[in-house]
Amino acid sequence: TYTARRTGEYDIHVTLCDYEIQRSPFPLDVYPAPSNPAKCTMTGEGTRMAVAGERATFRIKAMDEFGNIQEEGGDYFAILILGPETNEEPERHTAQVVDNQDSTYD
């Protein structure tokens, strides 16, 4: 058995007495594991500042636990923005997240 940690195309070579067995090497495609929140990143100006009444933008990059970038979309990211307190309750906003189907979300 083995555990691959990096995505990509591999070849599995199987030998006996220094000779490869029939049909060796075997092609192997390794795909990303499910996204891990601890490895995902968020970038963009909207992560640092915004102007009242104007749209602020950012981008999320989905990665697995080994730091491999996802090859497609399909994750559900929820965004909740808590702001300054007004009347003893924090101002709450949600952000729309668009799945770009390429491991990025805007």
PDB file of N, CA and C in Angstrom:
ATOM      1  N   THR A   1       0.833  -1.189   0.000  1.00  0.00           N
ATOM      2  CA  THR A   1       0.000   0.000   0.000  1.00  0.00           C
ATOM      3  C   THR A   1       0.877   1.250   0.000  1.00  0.00           C
ATOM      4  N   TYR A   2       0.276   2.368  -0.331  1.00  0.00           N
ATOM      5  CA  TYR A   2       0.983   3.639  -0.315  1.00  0.00           C
ATOM      6  C   TYR A   2      -0.035   4.757  -0.116  1.00  0.00           C
ATOM      7  N   THR A   3       0.447   5.928   0.233  1.00  0.00           N
ATOM      8  CA  THR A   3      -0.398   7.101   0.377  1.00  0.00           C
ATOM      9  C   THR A   3       0.229   8.239  -0.412  1.00  0.00           C
ATOM     10  N   ALA A   4      -0.402   8.631  -1.492  1.00  0.00           N
ATOM     11  CA  ALA A   4       0.074   9.757  -2.294  1.00  0.00           C
ATOM     12  C   ALA A   4      -0.395  11.047  -1.642  1.00  0.00           C
ATOM     13  N   ARG A   5       0.460  12.049  -1.646  1.00  0.00           N
ATOM     14  CA  ARG A   5       0.108  13.328  -1.041  1.00  0.00           C
ATOM     15  C   ARG A   5       0.090  14.474  -2.050  1.00  0.00           C
ATOM     16  N   ARG A   6       0.640  14.270  -3.208  1.00  0.00           N
ATOM     17  CA  ARG A   6       0.678  15.296  -4.245  1.00  0.00           C
ATOM     18  C   ARG A   6      -0.100  14.826  -5.470  1.00  0.00           C
ATOM     19  N   THR A   7      -0.870  15.735  -6.029  1.00  0.00           N
ATOM     20  CA  THR A   7      -1.619  15.407  -7.242  1.00  0.00           C
ATOM     21  C   THR A   7      -0.679  15.331  -8.428  1.00  0.00           C
ATOM     22  N   GLY A   8      -1.107  14.612  -9.455  1.00  0.00           N
ATOM     23  CA  GLY A   8      -0.313  14.536 -10.669  1.00  0.00           C
ATOM     24  C   GLY A   8      -0.370  13.165 -11.303  1.00  0.00           C
ATOM     25  N   GLU A   9       0.418  13.030 -12.361  1.00  0.00           N
ATOM     26  CA  GLU A   9       0.499  11.765 -13.083  1.00  0.00           C
ATOM     27  C   GLU A   9       1.740  11.010 -12.634  1.00  0.00           C
ATOM     28  N   TYR A  10       1.545   9.787 -12.235  1.00  0.00           N
ATOM     29  CA  TYR A  10       2.627   8.935 -11.753  1.00  0.00           C
ATOM     30  C   TYR A  10       2.689   7.666 -12.594  1.00  0.00           C
ATOM     31  N   ASP A  11       3.767   6.929 -12.455  1.00  0.00           N
ATOM     32  CA  ASP A  11       3.907   5.584 -13.015  1.00  0.00           C
ATOM     33  C   ASP A  11       4.274   4.649 -11.886  1.00  0.00           C
ATOM     34  N   ILE A  12       3.550   3.544 -11.782  1.00  0.00           N
ATOM     35  CA  ILE A  12       3.863   2.523 -10.784  1.00  0.00           C
ATOM     36  C   ILE A  12       4.676   1.434 -11.473  1.00  0.00           C
ATOM     37  N   HIS A  13       5.921   1.281 -11.058  1.00  0.00           N
ATOM     38  CA  HIS A  13       6.812   0.254 -11.606  1.00  0.00           C
ATOM     39  C   HIS A  13       6.835  -0.933 -10.645  1.00  0.00           C
ATOM     40  N   VAL A  14       6.543  -2.109 -11.166  1.00  0.00           N
ATOM     41  CA  VAL A  14       6.555  -3.330 -10.357  1.00  0.00           C
ATOM     42  C   VAL A  14       7.590  -4.267 -10.953  1.00  0.00           C
ATOM     43  N   THR A  15       8.552  -4.657 -10.121  1.00  0.00           N
ATOM     44  CA  THR A  15       9.636  -5.518 -10.619  1.00  0.00           C
ATOM     45  C   THR A  15       9.761  -6.773  -9.769  1.00  0.00           C
ATOM     46  N   LEU A  16      10.352  -7.766 -10.381  1.00  0.00           N
ATOM     47  CA  LEU A  16      10.721  -9.008  -9.710  1.00  0.00           C
ATOM     48  C   LEU A  16      12.105  -9.362 -10.232  1.00  0.00           C
ATOM     49  N   CYS A  17      13.065  -9.449  -9.347  1.00  0.00           N
ATOM     50  CA  CYS A  17      14.451  -9.742  -9.733  1.00  0.00           C
ATOM     51  C   CYS A  17      14.952  -8.740 -10.782  1.00  0.00           C
ATOM     52  N   ASP A  18      14.656  -7.482 -10.557  1.00  0.00           N
ATOM     53  CA  ASP A  18      15.075  -6.376 -11.418  1.00  0.00           C
ATOM     54  C   ASP A  18      14.399  -6.352 -12.796  1.00  0.00           C
ATOM     55  N   TYR A  19      13.393  -7.164 -13.029  1.00  0.00           N
ATOM     56  CA  TYR A  19      12.645  -7.165 -14.290  1.00  0.00           C
ATOM     57  C   TYR A  19      11.213  -6.714 -14.008  1.00  0.00           C
ATOM     58  N   GLU A  20      10.736  -5.841 -14.887  1.00  0.00           N
ATOM     59  CA  GLU A  20       9.369  -5.367 -14.708  1.00  0.00           C
ATOM     60  C   GLU A  20       8.372  -6.462 -15.061  1.00  0.00           C
ATOM     61  N   ILE A  21       7.297  -6.514 -14.279  1.00  0.00           N
ATOM     62  CA  ILE A  21       6.260  -7.495 -14.572  1.00  0.00           C
ATOM     63  C   ILE A  21       5.490  -7.056 -15.807  1.00  0.00           C
ATOM     64  N   GLN A  22       4.670  -7.927 -16.306  1.00  0.00           N
ATOM     65  CA  GLN A  22       3.884  -7.656 -17.510  1.00  0.00           C
ATOM     66  C   GLN A  22       3.035  -6.398 -17.336  1.00  0.00           C
ATOM     67  N   ARG A  23       3.029  -5.537 -18.326  1.00  0.00           N
ATOM     68  CA  ARG A  23       2.277  -4.279 -18.398  1.00  0.00           C
ATOM     69  C   ARG A  23       2.791  -3.196 -17.445  1.00  0.00           C
ATOM     70  N   SER A  24       3.883  -3.451 -16.745  1.00  0.00           N
ATOM     71  CA  SER A  24       4.472  -2.418 -15.894  1.00  0.00           C
ATOM     72  C   SER A  24       5.311  -1.491 -16.774  1.00  0.00           C
ATOM     73  N   PRO A  25       5.304  -0.203 -16.551  1.00  0.00           N
ATOM     74  CA  PRO A  25       4.684   0.531 -15.448  1.00  0.00           C
ATOM     75  C   PRO A  25       3.188   0.778 -15.676  1.00  0.00           C
ATOM     76  N   PHE A  26       2.495   0.996 -14.560  1.00  0.00           N
ATOM     77  CA  PHE A  26       1.067   1.250 -14.584  1.00  0.00           C
ATOM     78  C   PHE A  26       0.826   2.748 -14.377  1.00  0.00           C
ATOM     79  N   PRO A  27       0.094   3.385 -15.283  1.00  0.00           N
ATOM     80  CA  PRO A  27      -0.164   4.813 -15.102  1.00  0.00           C
ATOM     81  C   PRO A  27      -1.113   5.049 -13.925  1.00  0.00           C
ATOM     82  N   LEU A  28      -0.854   6.112 -13.199  1.00  0.00           N
ATOM     83  CA  LEU A  28      -1.654   6.444 -12.018  1.00  0.00           C
ATOM     84  C   LEU A  28      -1.918   7.939 -12.002  1.00  0.00           C
ATOM     85  N   ASP A  29      -3.178   8.323 -11.913  1.00  0.00           N
ATOM     86  CA  ASP A  29      -3.557   9.729 -11.759  1.00  0.00           C
ATOM     87  C   ASP A  29      -3.975   9.945 -10.309  1.00  0.00           C
ATOM     88  N   VAL A  30      -3.357  10.902  -9.639  1.00  0.00           N
ATOM     89  CA  VAL A  30      -3.698  11.231  -8.257  1.00  0.00           C
ATOM     90  C   VAL A  30      -4.431  12.568  -8.261  1.00  0.00           C
ATOM     91  N   TYR A  31      -5.625  12.579  -7.690  1.00  0.00           N
ATOM     92  CA  TYR A  31      -6.479  13.755  -7.639  1.00  0.00           C
ATOM     93  C   TYR A  31      -6.488  14.335  -6.228  1.00  0.00           C
ATOM     94  N   PRO A  32      -6.904  15.590  -6.075  1.00  0.00           N
ATOM     95  CA  PRO A  32      -6.942  16.192  -4.742  1.00  0.00           C
ATOM     96  C   PRO A  32      -7.934  15.485  -3.825  1.00  0.00           C
ATOM     97  N   ALA A  33      -7.601  15.473  -2.536  1.00  0.00           N
ATOM     98  CA  ALA A  33      -8.532  15.007  -1.504  1.00  0.00           C
ATOM     99  C   ALA A  33      -9.603  16.091  -1.327  1.00  0.00           C
ATOM    100  N   PRO A  34     -10.644  15.834  -0.531  1.00  0.00           N
ATOM    101  CA  PRO A  34     -11.654  16.879  -0.304  1.00  0.00           C
ATOM    102  C   PRO A  34     -11.020  18.152   0.269  1.00  0.00           C
ATOM    103  N   SER A  35     -11.639  19.266  -0.002  1.00  0.00           N
ATOM    104  CA  SER A  35     -11.122  20.544   0.481  1.00  0.00           C
ATOM    105  C   SER A  35     -11.057  20.564   2.002  1.00  0.00           C
ATOM    106  N   ASN A  36     -10.000  21.198   2.510  1.00  0.00           N
ATOM    107  CA  ASN A  36      -9.785  21.317   3.944  1.00  0.00           C
ATOM    108  C   ASN A  36      -9.805  22.804   4.297  1.00  0.00           C
ATOM    109  N   PRO A  37     -10.728  23.250   5.151  1.00  0.00           N
ATOM    110  CA  PRO A  37     -10.829  24.674   5.472  1.00  0.00           C
ATOM    111  C   PRO A  37      -9.519  25.280   5.979  1.00  0.00           C
ATOM    112  N   ALA A  38      -8.718  24.504   6.689  1.00  0.00           N
ATOM    113  CA  ALA A  38      -7.461  25.023   7.239  1.00  0.00           C
ATOM    114  C   ALA A  38      -6.437  25.342   6.151  1.00  0.00           C
ATOM    115  N   LYS A  39      -6.606  24.803   4.948  1.00  0.00           N
ATOM    116  CA  LYS A  39      -5.654  25.030   3.855  1.00  0.00           C
ATOM    117  C   LYS A  39      -6.168  25.990   2.792  1.00  0.00           C
ATOM    118  N   CYS A  40      -7.473  26.278   2.789  1.00  0.00           N
ATOM    119  CA  CYS A  40      -8.046  27.194   1.810  1.00  0.00           C
ATOM    120  C   CYS A  40      -7.581  28.615   2.113  1.00  0.00           C
ATOM    121  N   THR A  41      -7.470  29.440   1.062  1.00  0.00           N
ATOM    122  CA  THR A  41      -7.001  30.806   1.240  1.00  0.00           C
ATOM    123  C   THR A  41      -8.015  31.798   0.680  1.00  0.00           C
ATOM    124  N   MET A  42      -7.933  33.037   1.176  1.00  0.00           N
ATOM    125  CA  MET A  42      -8.780  34.106   0.671  1.00  0.00           C
ATOM    126  C   MET A  42      -7.898  35.319   0.428  1.00  0.00           C
ATOM    127  N   THR A  43      -7.996  35.894  -0.768  1.00  0.00           N
ATOM    128  CA  THR A  43      -7.178  37.047  -1.134  1.00  0.00           C
ATOM    129  C   THR A  43      -8.054  38.124  -1.758  1.00  0.00           C
ATOM    130  N   GLY A  44      -7.500  39.290  -1.922  1.00  0.00           N
ATOM    131  CA  GLY A  44      -8.203  40.381  -2.586  1.00  0.00           C
ATOM    132  C   GLY A  44      -8.389  41.577  -1.681  1.00  0.00           C
ATOM    133  N   GLU A  45      -8.619  42.709  -2.308  1.00  0.00           N
ATOM    134  CA  GLU A  45      -8.762  43.956  -1.565  1.00  0.00           C
ATOM    135  C   GLU A  45      -9.913  43.908  -0.571  1.00  0.00           C
ATOM    136  N   GLY A  46     -10.987  43.198  -0.909  1.00  0.00           N
ATOM    137  CA  GLY A  46     -12.148  43.106  -0.029  1.00  0.00           C
ATOM    138  C   GLY A  46     -11.886  42.372   1.275  1.00  0.00           C
ATOM    139  N   THR A  47     -10.735  41.751   1.404  1.00  0.00           N
ATOM    140  CA  THR A  47     -10.388  41.105   2.684  1.00  0.00           C
ATOM    141  C   THR A  47      -9.780  42.106   3.657  1.00  0.00           C
ATOM    142  N   ARG A  48      -9.394  43.291   3.145  1.00  0.00           N
ATOM    143  CA  ARG A  48      -8.718  44.278   3.980  1.00  0.00           C
ATOM    144  C   ARG A  48      -9.508  45.567   4.171  1.00  0.00           C
ATOM    145  N   MET A  49     -10.263  45.951   3.124  1.00  0.00           N
ATOM    146  CA  MET A  49     -10.988  47.218   3.221  1.00  0.00           C
ATOM    147  C   MET A  49     -12.174  47.219   2.265  1.00  0.00           C
ATOM    148  N   ALA A  50     -13.114  48.103   2.558  1.00  0.00           N
ATOM    149  CA  ALA A  50     -14.281  48.298   1.703  1.00  0.00           C
ATOM    150  C   ALA A  50     -14.734  49.744   1.857  1.00  0.00           C
ATOM    151  N   VAL A  51     -15.498  50.221   0.886  1.00  0.00           N
ATOM    152  CA  VAL A  51     -16.069  51.558   0.925  1.00  0.00           C
ATOM    153  C   VAL A  51     -17.580  51.409   1.051  1.00  0.00           C
ATOM    154  N   ALA A  52     -18.172  52.144   1.975  1.00  0.00           N
ATOM    155  CA  ALA A  52     -19.615  52.064   2.206  1.00  0.00           C
ATOM    156  C   ALA A  52     -20.362  52.303   0.898  1.00  0.00           C
ATOM    157  N   GLY A  53     -21.288  51.409   0.576  1.00  0.00           N
ATOM    158  CA  GLY A  53     -22.110  51.544  -0.618  1.00  0.00           C
ATOM    159  C   GLY A  53     -21.480  50.998  -1.884  1.00  0.00           C
ATOM    160  N   GLU A  54     -20.217  50.566  -1.821  1.00  0.00           N
ATOM    161  CA  GLU A  54     -19.547  50.015  -2.999  1.00  0.00           C
ATOM    162  C   GLU A  54     -19.256  48.533  -2.784  1.00  0.00           C
ATOM    163  N   ARG A  55     -19.235  47.831  -3.882  1.00  0.00           N
ATOM    164  CA  ARG A  55     -18.982  46.377  -3.835  1.00  0.00           C
ATOM    165  C   ARG A  55     -17.517  46.096  -3.482  1.00  0.00           C
ATOM    166  N   ALA A  56     -17.302  45.205  -2.538  1.00  0.00           N
ATOM    167  CA  ALA A  56     -15.953  44.762  -2.159  1.00  0.00           C
ATOM    168  C   ALA A  56     -15.785  43.337  -2.668  1.00  0.00           C
ATOM    169  N   THR A  57     -14.624  43.017  -3.217  1.00  0.00           N
ATOM    170  CA  THR A  57     -14.419  41.694  -3.806  1.00  0.00           C
ATOM    171  C   THR A  57     -13.247  40.965  -3.156  1.00  0.00           C
ATOM    172  N   PHE A  58     -13.312  39.656  -3.253  1.00  0.00           N
ATOM    173  CA  PHE A  58     -12.245  38.784  -2.769  1.00  0.00           C
ATOM    174  C   PHE A  58     -12.335  37.476  -3.528  1.00  0.00           C
ATOM    175  N   ARG A  59     -11.323  36.636  -3.385  1.00  0.00           N
ATOM    176  CA  ARG A  59     -11.311  35.334  -4.043  1.00  0.00           C
ATOM    177  C   ARG A  59     -10.865  34.270  -3.044  1.00  0.00           C
ATOM    178  N   ILE A  60     -11.594  33.155  -3.039  1.00  0.00           N
ATOM    179  CA  ILE A  60     -11.245  32.002  -2.207  1.00  0.00           C
ATOM    180  C   ILE A  60     -10.609  30.953  -3.109  1.00  0.00           C
ATOM    181  N   LYS A  61      -9.551  30.332  -2.647  1.00  0.00           N
ATOM    182  CA  LYS A  61      -8.872  29.243  -3.374  1.00  0.00           C
ATOM    183  C   LYS A  61      -9.035  27.984  -2.533  1.00  0.00           C
ATOM    184  N   ALA A  62      -9.672  26.946  -3.102  1.00  0.00           N
ATOM    185  CA  ALA A  62      -9.920  25.698  -2.392  1.00  0.00           C
ATOM    186  C   ALA A  62      -8.730  24.753  -2.527  1.00  0.00           C
ATOM    187  N   MET A  63      -8.284  24.220  -1.382  1.00  0.00           N
ATOM    188  CA  MET A  63      -7.159  23.280  -1.356  1.00  0.00           C
ATOM    189  C   MET A  63      -7.480  22.115  -0.430  1.00  0.00           C
ATOM    190  N   ASP A  64      -6.802  20.993  -0.679  1.00  0.00           N
ATOM    191  CA  ASP A  64      -6.983  19.833   0.196  1.00  0.00           C
ATOM    192  C   ASP A  64      -5.997  19.901   1.366  1.00  0.00           C
ATOM    193  N   GLU A  65      -6.043  18.908   2.240  1.00  0.00           N
ATOM    194  CA  GLU A  65      -5.207  18.912   3.438  1.00  0.00           C
ATOM    195  C   GLU A  65      -3.711  18.879   3.155  1.00  0.00           C
ATOM    196  N   PHE A  66      -3.316  18.512   1.937  1.00  0.00           N
ATOM    197  CA  PHE A  66      -1.907  18.440   1.575  1.00  0.00           C
ATOM    198  C   PHE A  66      -1.446  19.680   0.802  1.00  0.00           C
ATOM    199  N   GLY A  67      -2.342  20.656   0.626  1.00  0.00           N
ATOM    200  CA  GLY A  67      -2.008  21.872  -0.090  1.00  0.00           C
ATOM    201  C   GLY A  67      -2.198  21.770  -1.593  1.00  0.00           C
ATOM    202  N   ASN A  68      -2.817  20.691  -2.061  1.00  0.00           N
ATOM    203  CA  ASN A  68      -3.113  20.550  -3.487  1.00  0.00           C
ATOM    204  C   ASN A  68      -4.305  21.414  -3.848  1.00  0.00           C
ATOM    205  N   ILE A  69      -4.202  22.150  -4.942  1.00  0.00           N
ATOM    206  CA  ILE A  69      -5.295  22.987  -5.419  1.00  0.00           C
ATOM    207  C   ILE A  69      -6.364  22.091  -6.050  1.00  0.00           C
ATOM    208  N   GLN A  70      -7.607  22.349  -5.697  1.00  0.00           N
ATOM    209  CA  GLN A  70      -8.700  21.592  -6.300  1.00  0.00           C
ATOM    210  C   GLN A  70      -8.737  21.851  -7.803  1.00  0.00           C
ATOM    211  N   GLU A  71      -9.138  20.877  -8.566  1.00  0.00           N
ATOM    212  CA  GLU A  71      -9.158  21.010 -10.024  1.00  0.00           C
ATOM    213  C   GLU A  71     -10.488  21.515 -10.555  1.00  0.00           C
ATOM    214  N   GLU A  72     -11.493  21.510  -9.707  1.00  0.00           N
ATOM    215  CA  GLU A  72     -12.818  21.973 -10.124  1.00  0.00           C
ATOM    216  C   GLU A  72     -13.544  22.525  -8.914  1.00  0.00           C
ATOM    217  N   GLY A  73     -14.739  23.016  -9.113  1.00  0.00           N
ATOM    218  CA  GLY A  73     -15.524  23.587  -8.029  1.00  0.00           C
ATOM    219  C   GLY A  73     -16.343  22.546  -7.306  1.00  0.00           C
ATOM    220  N   GLY A  74     -17.392  23.009  -6.660  1.00  0.00           N
ATOM    221  CA  GLY A  74     -18.302  22.103  -5.984  1.00  0.00           C
ATOM    222  C   GLY A  74     -18.351  22.270  -4.479  1.00  0.00           C
ATOM    223  N   ASP A  75     -17.462  23.074  -3.918  1.00  0.00           N
ATOM    224  CA  ASP A  75     -17.510  23.319  -2.472  1.00  0.00           C
ATOM    225  C   ASP A  75     -18.529  24.410  -2.177  1.00  0.00           C
ATOM    226  N   TYR A  76     -19.048  24.402  -0.966  1.00  0.00           N
ATOM    227  CA  TYR A  76     -19.990  25.437  -0.550  1.00  0.00           C
ATOM    228  C   TYR A  76     -19.330  26.261   0.551  1.00  0.00           C
ATOM    229  N   PHE A  77     -18.969  27.487   0.230  1.00  0.00           N
ATOM    230  CA  PHE A  77     -18.395  28.405   1.207  1.00  0.00           C
ATOM    231  C   PHE A  77     -19.479  29.375   1.647  1.00  0.00           C
ATOM    232  N   ALA A  78     -19.619  29.560   2.944  1.00  0.00           N
ATOM    233  CA  ALA A  78     -20.575  30.519   3.490  1.00  0.00           C
ATOM    234  C   ALA A  78     -19.786  31.690   4.072  1.00  0.00           C
ATOM    235  N   ILE A  79     -20.218  32.899   3.798  1.00  0.00           N
ATOM    236  CA  ILE A  79     -19.546  34.098   4.260  1.00  0.00           C
ATOM    237  C   ILE A  79     -20.504  34.876   5.164  1.00  0.00           C
ATOM    238  N   LEU A  80     -20.077  35.187   6.370  1.00  0.00           N
ATOM    239  CA  LEU A  80     -20.836  36.020   7.302  1.00  0.00           C
ATOM    240  C   LEU A  80     -19.909  37.142   7.740  1.00  0.00           C
ATOM    241  N   ILE A  81     -20.348  38.377   7.559  1.00  0.00           N
ATOM    242  CA  ILE A  81     -19.553  39.541   7.921  1.00  0.00           C
ATOM    243  C   ILE A  81     -20.235  40.218   9.103  1.00  0.00           C
ATOM    244  N   LEU A  82     -19.546  40.281  10.224  1.00  0.00           N
ATOM    245  CA  LEU A  82     -20.075  40.945  11.418  1.00  0.00           C
ATOM    246  C   LEU A  82     -19.429  42.308  11.526  1.00  0.00           C
ATOM    247  N   GLY A  83     -20.255  43.325  11.702  1.00  0.00           N
ATOM    248  CA  GLY A  83     -19.735  44.682  11.712  1.00  0.00           C
ATOM    249  C   GLY A  83     -19.910  45.374  13.038  1.00  0.00           C
ATOM    250  N   PRO A  84     -19.807  46.694  12.994  1.00  0.00           N
ATOM    251  CA  PRO A  84     -19.903  47.464  14.232  1.00  0.00           C
ATOM    252  C   PRO A  84     -21.280  47.294  14.877  1.00  0.00           C
ATOM    253  N   GLU A  85     -21.277  47.395  16.192  1.00  0.00           N
ATOM    254  CA  GLU A  85     -22.543  47.232  16.910  1.00  0.00           C
ATOM    255  C   GLU A  85     -23.420  48.455  16.733  1.00  0.00           C
ATOM    256  N   THR A  86     -24.694  48.212  16.470  1.00  0.00           N
ATOM    257  CA  THR A  86     -25.688  49.275  16.402  1.00  0.00           C
ATOM    258  C   THR A  86     -26.836  48.848  17.288  1.00  0.00           C
ATOM    259  N   ASN A  87     -27.197  49.688  18.236  1.00  0.00           N
ATOM    260  CA  ASN A  87     -28.248  49.342  19.206  1.00  0.00           C
ATOM    261  C   ASN A  87     -27.931  48.029  19.915  1.00  0.00           C
ATOM    262  N   GLU A  88     -26.680  47.834  20.262  1.00  0.00           N
ATOM    263  CA  GLU A  88     -26.196  46.672  21.014  1.00  0.00           C
ATOM    264  C   GLU A  88     -26.227  45.363  20.233  1.00  0.00           C
ATOM    265  N   GLU A  89     -26.525  45.414  18.960  1.00  0.00           N
ATOM    266  CA  GLU A  89     -26.484  44.225  18.102  1.00  0.00           C
ATOM    267  C   GLU A  89     -25.473  44.473  16.996  1.00  0.00           C
ATOM    268  N   PRO A  90     -24.615  43.488  16.682  1.00  0.00           N
ATOM    269  CA  PRO A  90     -23.683  43.710  15.578  1.00  0.00           C
ATOM    270  C   PRO A  90     -24.419  43.745  14.241  1.00  0.00           C
ATOM    271  N   GLU A  91     -23.921  44.580  13.343  1.00  0.00           N
ATOM    272  CA  GLU A  91     -24.463  44.623  11.995  1.00  0.00           C
ATOM    273  C   GLU A  91     -24.018  43.354  11.283  1.00  0.00           C
ATOM    274  N   ARG A  92     -24.953  42.660  10.641  1.00  0.00           N
ATOM    275  CA  ARG A  92     -24.645  41.378  10.004  1.00  0.00           C
ATOM    276  C   ARG A  92     -24.891  41.469   8.503  1.00  0.00           C
ATOM    277  N   HIS A  93     -23.950  40.915   7.733  1.00  0.00           N
ATOM    278  CA  HIS A  93     -24.083  40.850   6.279  1.00  0.00           C
ATOM    279  C   HIS A  93     -23.665  39.456   5.827  1.00  0.00           C
ATOM    280  N   THR A  94     -24.278  38.982   4.771  1.00  0.00           N
ATOM    281  CA  THR A  94     -23.801  37.768   4.119  1.00  0.00           C
ATOM    282  C   THR A  94     -23.284  38.177   2.748  1.00  0.00           C
ATOM    283  N   ALA A  95     -22.371  37.401   2.228  1.00  0.00           N
ATOM    284  CA  ALA A  95     -21.798  37.705   0.919  1.00  0.00           C
ATOM    285  C   ALA A  95     -22.172  36.599  -0.056  1.00  0.00           C
ATOM    286  N   GLN A  96     -22.432  36.986  -1.277  1.00  0.00           N
ATOM    287  CA  GLN A  96     -22.706  36.018  -2.331  1.00  0.00           C
ATOM    288  C   GLN A  96     -21.379  35.395  -2.763  1.00  0.00           C
ATOM    289  N   VAL A  97     -21.352  34.080  -2.896  1.00  0.00           N
ATOM    290  CA  VAL A  97     -20.155  33.375  -3.341  1.00  0.00           C
ATOM    291  C   VAL A  97     -20.473  32.705  -4.676  1.00  0.00           C
ATOM    292  N   VAL A  98     -19.645  32.978  -5.677  1.00  0.00           N
ATOM    293  CA  VAL A  98     -19.826  32.400  -7.007  1.00  0.00           C
ATOM    294  C   VAL A  98     -18.757  31.333  -7.224  1.00  0.00           C
ATOM    295  N   ASP A  99     -19.191  30.125  -7.532  1.00  0.00           N
ATOM    296  CA  ASP A  99     -18.288  29.005  -7.821  1.00  0.00           C
ATOM    297  C   ASP A  99     -17.829  29.129  -9.267  1.00  0.00           C
ATOM    298  N   ASN A 100     -16.540  29.374  -9.488  1.00  0.00           N
ATOM    299  CA  ASN A 100     -15.994  29.511 -10.835  1.00  0.00           C
ATOM    300  C   ASN A 100     -15.685  28.171 -11.497  1.00  0.00           C
ATOM    301  N   GLN A 101     -15.966  27.072 -10.804  1.00  0.00           N
ATOM    302  CA  GLN A 101     -15.775  25.714 -11.323  1.00  0.00           C
ATOM    303  C   GLN A 101     -14.316  25.392 -11.662  1.00  0.00           C
ATOM    304  N   ASP A 102     -13.386  26.091 -11.019  1.00  0.00           N
ATOM    305  CA  ASP A 102     -11.958  25.852 -11.280  1.00  0.00           C
ATOM    306  C   ASP A 102     -11.128  25.896  -9.999  1.00  0.00           C
ATOM    307  N   SER A 103     -11.744  25.687  -8.871  1.00  0.00           N
ATOM    308  CA  SER A 103     -11.153  25.723  -7.537  1.00  0.00           C
ATOM    309  C   SER A 103     -11.163  27.117  -6.936  1.00  0.00           C
ATOM    310  N   THR A 104     -11.646  28.131  -7.681  1.00  0.00           N
ATOM    311  CA  THR A 104     -11.736  29.476  -7.127  1.00  0.00           C
ATOM    312  C   THR A 104     -13.194  29.882  -6.969  1.00  0.00           C
ATOM    313  N   TYR A 105     -13.402  30.766  -6.001  1.00  0.00           N
ATOM    314  CA  TYR A 105     -14.737  31.253  -5.674  1.00  0.00           C
ATOM    315  C   TYR A 105     -14.645  32.752  -5.485  1.00  0.00           C
ATOM    316  N   ASP A 106     -15.533  33.496  -6.126  1.00  0.00           N
ATOM    317  CA  ASP A 106     -15.539  34.958  -6.004  1.00  0.00           C
ATOM    318  C   ASP A 106     -16.779  35.407  -5.257  1.00  0.00           C
TER     319      ASP A 106
END
